Protein backbone atom coordinates (compact mmCIF):
# COMPACT_ATOMS: atom_id res chain seq x y z
CA THR A 1 -4.40 2.81 -11.42
CA ASP A 2 -1.28 3.92 -9.56
CA ALA A 3 -2.24 2.32 -6.26
CA ILE A 4 0.27 1.82 -3.46
CA VAL A 5 -0.44 -0.82 -0.83
CA ALA A 6 1.01 -0.92 2.69
CA THR A 7 0.50 -3.26 5.64
CA TYR A 8 0.16 -2.19 9.25
CA ASP A 9 -0.51 -4.08 12.47
CA GLY A 10 -4.12 -5.10 11.91
CA GLY A 11 -4.72 -4.29 8.29
CA ILE A 12 -3.79 -2.94 4.88
CA TYR A 13 -3.89 0.57 3.45
CA VAL A 14 -4.65 1.16 -0.22
CA ILE A 15 -3.05 4.51 -1.08
CA ASP A 16 -3.28 6.86 -4.06
CA GLY A 17 0.19 6.81 -5.64
CA GLY A 18 0.11 10.50 -6.52
CA SER A 19 -1.41 12.28 -3.54
CA LEU A 20 -0.52 9.50 -1.05
CA GLU A 21 -4.05 9.77 0.34
CA VAL A 22 -5.35 6.60 2.01
CA VAL A 23 -8.17 5.41 -0.25
CA GLU A 24 -9.20 2.35 1.74
CA ASP A 25 -8.37 0.87 5.15
CA ILE A 26 -8.87 -2.90 5.06
CA GLU A 27 -8.85 -4.79 8.36
CA LEU A 28 -6.81 -7.99 8.27
CA GLU A 29 -5.28 -9.59 11.35
CA GLY A 30 -1.92 -11.34 11.46
CA PHE A 31 1.47 -10.69 9.91
CA ASN A 32 0.74 -10.21 6.22
CA ARG A 33 3.17 -9.70 3.33
CA LEU A 34 2.69 -7.99 -0.04
CA ASN A 35 3.66 -8.93 -3.58
CA PRO A 36 2.78 -7.31 -6.94
CA ALA A 37 0.78 -9.81 -8.99
CA GLY A 38 2.23 -8.55 -12.27
CA ASP A 39 -0.97 -7.49 -14.05
CA GLY A 40 -1.03 -3.79 -13.18
CA ARG A 41 -4.11 -4.19 -10.97
CA HIS A 42 -3.73 -6.84 -8.29
CA VAL A 43 -1.49 -7.47 -5.29
CA LEU A 44 -1.05 -10.87 -3.66
CA VAL A 45 -1.28 -10.78 0.13
CA SER A 46 0.60 -13.58 1.91
CA THR A 47 -1.56 -14.60 4.87
CA SER A 48 -1.30 -17.51 7.28
CA SER A 49 -3.13 -19.80 4.83
CA GLY A 50 -2.02 -18.72 1.37
CA PHE A 51 -1.83 -15.95 -1.22
CA ARG A 52 -4.99 -13.83 -1.16
CA VAL A 53 -5.90 -11.62 -4.12
CA LEU A 54 -6.23 -7.89 -3.44
CA ASP A 55 -7.75 -5.73 -6.17
CA ALA A 56 -5.58 -2.66 -5.52
CA VAL A 57 -7.19 -0.52 -8.22
CA GLY A 58 -10.67 -1.34 -6.89
CA ALA A 59 -9.38 -1.11 -3.29
CA GLU A 60 -10.98 -4.44 -2.40
CA LEU A 61 -9.61 -7.57 -0.73
CA THR A 62 -11.30 -10.44 -2.57
CA ASP A 63 -12.08 -13.91 -1.24
CA ASP A 64 -9.93 -15.49 -3.96
CA GLU A 65 -6.94 -17.27 -2.46
CA PHE A 66 -4.21 -19.59 -3.69
CA GLU A 67 -3.96 -22.07 -0.81
CA ALA A 68 -0.35 -22.39 0.35
CA PRO A 69 0.88 -23.37 3.80
CA GLU A 70 3.66 -20.95 4.78
CA PRO A 71 3.40 -18.83 1.62
CA GLY A 72 6.83 -17.65 0.48
CA HIS A 73 8.26 -15.92 -2.57
CA VAL A 74 6.19 -14.49 -5.42
CA VAL A 75 8.06 -13.86 -8.69
CA HIS A 76 6.73 -12.21 -11.84
CA HIS A 77 8.80 -12.64 -15.01
CA ALA A 78 8.22 -13.38 -18.69
CA GLY A 79 4.48 -12.84 -18.40
CA ARG A 80 4.05 -15.47 -15.68
CA THR A 81 3.65 -15.20 -11.93
CA VAL A 82 5.06 -18.03 -9.83
CA LEU A 83 4.23 -18.76 -6.18
CA PHE A 84 6.23 -20.91 -3.77
CA SER A 85 4.79 -22.60 -0.69
CA ASP A 86 7.50 -23.09 1.93
CA GLY A 87 5.22 -25.45 3.84
CA THR A 88 4.83 -27.96 1.01
CA GLY A 89 7.45 -27.03 -1.60
CA GLU A 90 4.69 -26.68 -4.20
CA VAL A 91 5.21 -24.28 -7.09
CA THR A 92 2.15 -22.64 -8.69
CA SER A 93 2.42 -20.74 -11.99
CA PHE A 94 -0.23 -18.70 -13.81
CA ASP A 95 -0.84 -15.86 -16.23
CA PRO A 96 -1.61 -12.79 -14.07
CA ALA A 97 -3.73 -11.31 -16.86
CA ASP A 98 -6.33 -13.95 -15.93
CA LEU A 99 -6.78 -12.60 -12.39
CA GLY A 100 -9.98 -10.80 -11.53
CA ASP A 101 -12.78 -13.29 -12.16
CA GLY A 102 -12.00 -16.07 -9.74
CA LEU A 103 -8.65 -17.85 -9.67
CA PRO A 104 -6.89 -18.39 -13.02
CA GLU A 105 -5.86 -21.69 -14.53
CA THR A 106 -2.57 -22.82 -12.99
CA GLU A 107 0.34 -25.17 -13.54
CA THR A 108 1.98 -26.81 -10.53
CA TYR A 109 5.18 -28.59 -9.61
CA ALA A 110 5.90 -30.47 -6.38
CA SER A 111 9.42 -30.06 -5.01
CA GLU A 112 11.19 -33.12 -3.63
CA GLU A 113 11.04 -31.67 -0.10
CA ALA A 114 9.42 -28.68 1.55
CA HIS A 115 11.89 -25.81 2.09
CA HIS A 116 12.21 -22.03 2.04
CA GLY A 117 12.50 -21.71 -1.71
CA VAL A 118 11.70 -19.82 -4.86
CA ALA A 119 10.84 -20.53 -8.50
CA ILE A 120 10.86 -18.42 -11.65
CA GLU A 121 9.67 -19.09 -15.20
CA LEU A 122 11.70 -18.05 -18.25
CA GLU A 123 10.71 -16.78 -21.69
CA ASN A 124 11.25 -20.22 -23.26
CA GLY A 125 8.91 -21.94 -20.79
CA GLU A 126 11.64 -23.39 -18.59
CA THR A 127 11.27 -23.05 -14.82
CA ALA A 128 14.17 -22.68 -12.40
CA VAL A 129 13.38 -23.81 -8.87
CA THR A 130 15.43 -24.24 -5.71
CA TYR A 131 15.71 -27.62 -4.03
CA GLY A 132 16.55 -28.79 -0.52
CA ASP A 133 14.81 -29.44 2.77
CA GLU A 134 14.36 -27.81 6.16
CA GLU A 135 18.01 -28.48 7.05
CA GLU A 136 19.85 -27.41 3.90
CA ARG A 137 19.26 -25.90 0.47
CA PRO A 138 22.14 -26.86 -1.85
CA GLY A 139 21.08 -25.52 -5.21
CA VAL A 140 18.77 -25.02 -8.18
CA LEU A 141 17.24 -27.28 -10.82
CA VAL A 142 15.64 -26.40 -14.16
CA LEU A 143 12.51 -27.96 -15.66
CA ASP A 144 11.66 -27.84 -19.35
CA ALA A 145 8.28 -26.65 -20.63
CA ASP A 146 6.88 -30.16 -20.04
CA GLY A 147 7.98 -30.22 -16.40
CA GLU A 148 10.92 -32.59 -16.89
CA GLU A 149 14.21 -31.85 -15.14
CA ILE A 150 16.96 -30.90 -17.61
CA HIS A 151 19.64 -29.23 -15.46
CA ARG A 152 20.72 -29.20 -11.81
CA SER A 153 23.44 -27.45 -9.83
CA ASP A 154 24.47 -28.13 -6.24
CA GLU A 155 26.94 -25.23 -6.15
CA CYS A 156 24.72 -22.83 -4.20
CA PRO A 157 24.71 -23.69 -0.48
CA GLY A 158 21.98 -21.91 1.45
CA VAL A 159 20.37 -20.72 -1.79
CA HIS A 160 18.13 -17.73 -1.11
CA GLY A 161 16.83 -14.92 -3.28
CA GLU A 162 16.58 -14.60 -7.03
CA ALA A 163 16.69 -11.89 -9.67
CA ALA A 164 16.04 -11.75 -13.41
CA ALA A 165 18.27 -9.59 -15.59
CA GLN A 166 18.65 -8.66 -19.24
CA ASP A 167 18.42 -11.46 -21.83
CA ASP A 168 16.54 -13.80 -19.48
CA ALA A 169 19.55 -14.30 -17.20
CA LEU A 170 18.72 -15.57 -13.70
CA LEU A 171 20.83 -15.06 -10.60
CA PHE A 172 20.49 -16.89 -7.27
CA GLY A 173 22.17 -15.94 -4.00
CA CYS A 174 24.40 -18.41 -2.13
CA GLU A 175 26.36 -18.45 1.14
CA ASP A 176 29.57 -18.31 -0.88
CA GLY A 177 28.66 -16.20 -3.91
CA VAL A 178 26.04 -16.36 -6.66
CA LEU A 179 24.77 -18.95 -9.13
CA LEU A 180 23.99 -17.76 -12.66
CA TYR A 181 21.67 -19.55 -15.09
CA ARG A 182 21.98 -18.22 -18.62
CA ASP A 183 21.49 -19.74 -22.09
CA GLY A 184 20.85 -23.21 -20.67
CA GLU A 185 23.95 -23.36 -18.45
CA PHE A 186 24.85 -22.77 -14.81
CA ALA A 187 27.93 -20.79 -13.78
CA LYS A 188 29.14 -20.13 -10.22
CA THR A 189 30.84 -16.96 -9.02
CA ASP A 190 32.59 -17.29 -5.66
CA SER A 191 32.62 -14.56 -3.05
CA PRO A 192 36.02 -13.09 -2.13
CA ASP A 193 35.37 -14.26 1.47
CA ASP A 194 35.02 -17.90 2.58
CA TYR A 195 31.58 -16.97 3.87
CA GLY A 196 30.27 -14.22 1.62
CA ARG A 197 26.49 -14.59 1.65
CA ILE A 198 24.37 -12.93 -1.01
CA GLY A 199 20.65 -13.37 -0.43
CA ASN A 200 18.29 -10.53 -1.22
CA GLN A 201 18.69 -9.19 -4.74
CA ALA A 202 17.11 -6.67 -7.10
CA GLY A 203 17.26 -7.13 -10.87
CA HIS A 204 16.23 -4.98 -13.82
CA GLU A 205 15.19 -6.63 -17.06
CA GLY A 206 16.83 -3.88 -19.11
CA SER A 207 20.17 -4.22 -17.32
CA PRO A 208 22.72 -7.05 -17.15
CA TYR A 209 23.62 -6.05 -13.57
CA VAL A 210 22.03 -7.37 -10.38
CA LEU A 211 22.14 -5.59 -7.04
CA GLY A 212 22.52 -7.77 -3.95
CA ASP A 213 23.30 -7.62 -0.27
CA TYR A 214 26.57 -9.02 1.15
CA LYS A 215 27.17 -10.58 4.57
CA THR A 216 30.32 -12.17 6.00
CA ASP A 217 29.49 -13.25 9.59
CA PRO A 218 27.73 -16.64 9.76
CA ASP A 219 27.42 -16.43 13.56
CA ALA A 220 25.86 -12.97 13.84
CA GLU A 221 22.43 -12.71 15.48
CA LEU A 222 21.83 -9.90 13.01
CA GLU A 223 24.62 -8.69 10.76
CA ARG A 224 24.35 -5.07 9.68
CA PRO A 225 26.49 -5.04 6.52
CA GLU A 226 27.82 -1.88 4.90
CA ARG A 227 28.84 -3.44 1.59
CA ILE A 228 26.54 -4.33 -1.30
CA SER A 229 27.23 -6.55 -4.32
CA ILE A 230 26.87 -5.91 -8.04
CA THR A 231 26.95 -8.93 -10.37
CA ASP A 232 27.39 -8.67 -14.14
CA THR A 233 25.28 -11.48 -15.60
CA THR A 234 27.10 -11.35 -18.94
CA ASP A 235 30.27 -12.81 -17.40
CA GLY A 236 29.50 -13.46 -13.73
CA GLY A 237 31.79 -10.65 -12.56
CA LEU A 238 31.18 -9.66 -8.92
CA GLU A 239 31.97 -6.23 -7.46
CA LEU A 240 31.58 -5.11 -3.82
CA ILE A 241 30.81 -1.50 -2.90
CA ASP A 242 31.31 -0.01 0.57
CA LEU A 243 28.36 2.32 1.25
CA GLY A 244 29.62 3.57 4.59
CA THR A 245 26.20 2.81 6.07
CA SER A 246 24.20 -0.32 6.78
CA TYR A 247 20.84 -1.27 5.27
CA SER A 248 18.19 -3.99 5.54
CA PHE A 249 16.62 -6.58 3.27
CA ARG A 250 13.85 -4.08 2.50
CA SER A 251 16.36 -1.46 1.30
CA LEU A 252 17.14 -2.61 -2.25
CA GLY A 253 15.58 -1.35 -5.49
CA ARG A 254 16.25 -0.43 -9.11
CA GLY A 255 15.62 2.83 -10.92
CA PRO A 256 14.07 3.32 -14.38
CA ASP A 257 17.45 3.18 -16.15
CA GLY A 258 18.79 0.29 -14.10
CA GLU A 259 20.29 2.42 -11.33
CA ALA A 260 20.96 0.44 -8.16
CA LEU A 261 19.18 2.00 -5.17
CA VAL A 262 19.84 1.36 -1.48
CA LEU A 263 18.01 2.95 1.45
CA GLY A 264 20.67 3.27 4.14
CA THR A 265 20.30 3.44 7.89
CA ASP A 266 21.79 6.92 7.57
CA GLY A 267 18.39 7.92 6.18
CA ALA A 268 19.60 8.50 2.61
CA LEU A 269 18.63 6.92 -0.69
CA HIS A 270 21.94 5.97 -2.30
CA VAL A 271 22.08 5.83 -6.11
CA ILE A 272 24.73 3.57 -7.66
CA ASP A 273 25.89 3.23 -11.25
CA PRO A 274 26.11 -0.57 -11.55
CA GLU A 275 28.45 -0.48 -14.56
CA SER A 276 31.12 1.59 -12.80
CA ALA A 277 30.19 0.27 -9.34
CA GLU A 278 30.25 3.81 -7.96
CA VAL A 279 27.83 5.77 -5.77
CA THR A 280 26.66 8.72 -7.87
CA ASP A 281 24.13 10.37 -5.51
CA SER A 282 22.87 10.18 -1.94
CA HIS A 283 19.49 11.80 -1.30
CA PRO A 284 18.51 12.41 2.36
CA VAL A 285 14.93 11.20 2.89
CA VAL A 286 14.29 9.96 6.46
CA GLY A 287 16.04 10.18 9.83
CA GLU A 288 18.77 7.78 10.93
CA TRP A 289 17.44 4.38 11.94
CA THR A 290 18.56 1.00 13.26
CA GLU A 291 17.49 -2.32 11.78
CA PRO A 292 15.39 -4.25 14.34
CA LEU A 293 16.48 -7.73 15.43
CA GLU A 294 13.19 -9.34 14.35
CA TRP A 295 12.83 -9.40 10.56
CA GLN A 296 9.04 -9.05 10.82
CA ASP A 297 9.28 -5.71 12.67
CA PRO A 298 8.72 -2.43 10.78
CA ARG A 299 11.68 -0.45 9.50
CA PRO A 300 12.11 2.18 6.76
CA THR A 301 11.31 0.39 3.52
CA LEU A 302 11.85 1.10 -0.18
CA PHE A 303 9.50 0.39 -3.10
CA VAL A 304 10.39 1.67 -6.58
CA ARG A 305 8.03 2.21 -9.49
CA GLY A 306 9.17 4.07 -12.59
CA ASP A 307 11.11 7.19 -11.62
CA THR A 308 9.62 7.36 -8.11
CA ALA A 309 10.98 5.83 -4.92
CA TYR A 310 8.37 5.30 -2.21
CA VAL A 311 10.00 5.36 1.22
CA THR A 312 8.35 4.64 4.56
CA GLU A 313 9.39 5.98 7.97
CA PRO A 314 7.35 3.87 10.43
CA GLY A 315 8.61 5.65 13.55
CA GLU A 316 7.01 8.85 12.28
CA LYS A 317 4.15 7.08 10.44
CA LYS A 318 5.38 8.83 7.28
CA LEU A 319 5.35 7.87 3.61
CA TYR A 320 7.35 9.79 1.01
CA ALA A 321 7.34 9.79 -2.80
CA VAL A 322 10.83 10.74 -3.98
CA ASP A 323 12.08 11.71 -7.44
CA ILE A 324 14.99 9.31 -8.01
CA ALA A 325 16.89 11.64 -10.33
CA THR A 326 16.81 14.74 -8.11
CA GLY A 327 15.98 13.51 -4.62
CA GLU A 328 13.04 15.92 -4.48
CA VAL A 329 10.17 14.78 -2.26
CA ARG A 330 7.17 14.95 -4.60
CA ALA A 331 4.62 14.10 -1.92
CA GLU A 332 4.52 13.02 1.70
CA THR A 333 1.85 11.98 4.17
CA GLU A 334 1.35 10.82 7.72
CA LEU A 335 -0.47 7.50 7.85
CA PRO A 336 -2.96 6.65 10.63
CA GLU A 337 -0.74 3.75 11.77
CA ALA A 338 2.92 2.84 11.29
CA SER A 339 3.37 0.89 8.05
CA ASN A 340 5.43 -2.26 7.63
CA GLU A 341 5.63 -3.67 4.09
CA ILE A 342 4.86 -1.60 1.00
CA THR A 343 4.35 -2.39 -2.68
CA GLY A 344 2.25 -1.22 -5.60
CA VAL A 345 0.59 -2.30 -8.81
CA GLU A 346 3.10 -2.74 -11.62
CA GLU A 347 3.24 -4.71 -14.85
């Protein structure tokens, strides 16, 4: 019931979350991505044709699949799991508790144009979804529980990445700041730089603060930023923190009490108090590393569940389970092959 799942070139490992022993090695060709389904049992595997259902607790890849050309983001919030197909712009929403006996009943929405997007459902039944096309993504619209558009904002150029925070607040990353949706209204917070892109984010539903990346060079082949962003969703306040080390899009996480966690290229897990915007601890875990140019290539990756940070070190084929509070390595293992993405079952 505490399964960890990791991809490697040619398959998927199902791993015991305590001992880190590989329970099952499942062959699966292609570049596959992993997403918690939100029911405490299943993981959704993004394949070339859609989102395939993996029973992580039973260590079995089922034949059930949500068809989706170019499967993109998977978001679980407010008891609903929402899928986005970049190839069609279609949004698919369902109750993850219904997984396990065939595919569950779903609700769908067709975006105006296909694009690299994301959607998330709120407690009141509203759905926030990005809009745009292959050339540009200007913002976010909101549908009511009946699927009718009720709000729209075009103040989020290059919209990418989402996070849910305390009190059902939603935050979306933009090329010039962040866009907040809260209590039925949009509010924009501008970056201090003309181009201050926030994309990948990590929220915590018990905290008003959202952790995000922060990039300032629109022409970089691959920017390796050393600053991260903290946004207060109660007032839209944005703080930048200089870590003194770079990180990647697979480096962000949140601790059990809302701590902001960043796995740096210096090999340390950095713990940040989001309220004070200060680094409170830095726990050495892996060796120094460099982010590869290709985003699909393996690099040290962070997955957080409860008070444990799971950290991969693909160059050494290692996986570590780290106590967030103390930095103690509770368990470690050497995997048969270098891992790429990692996730686990979580409600």
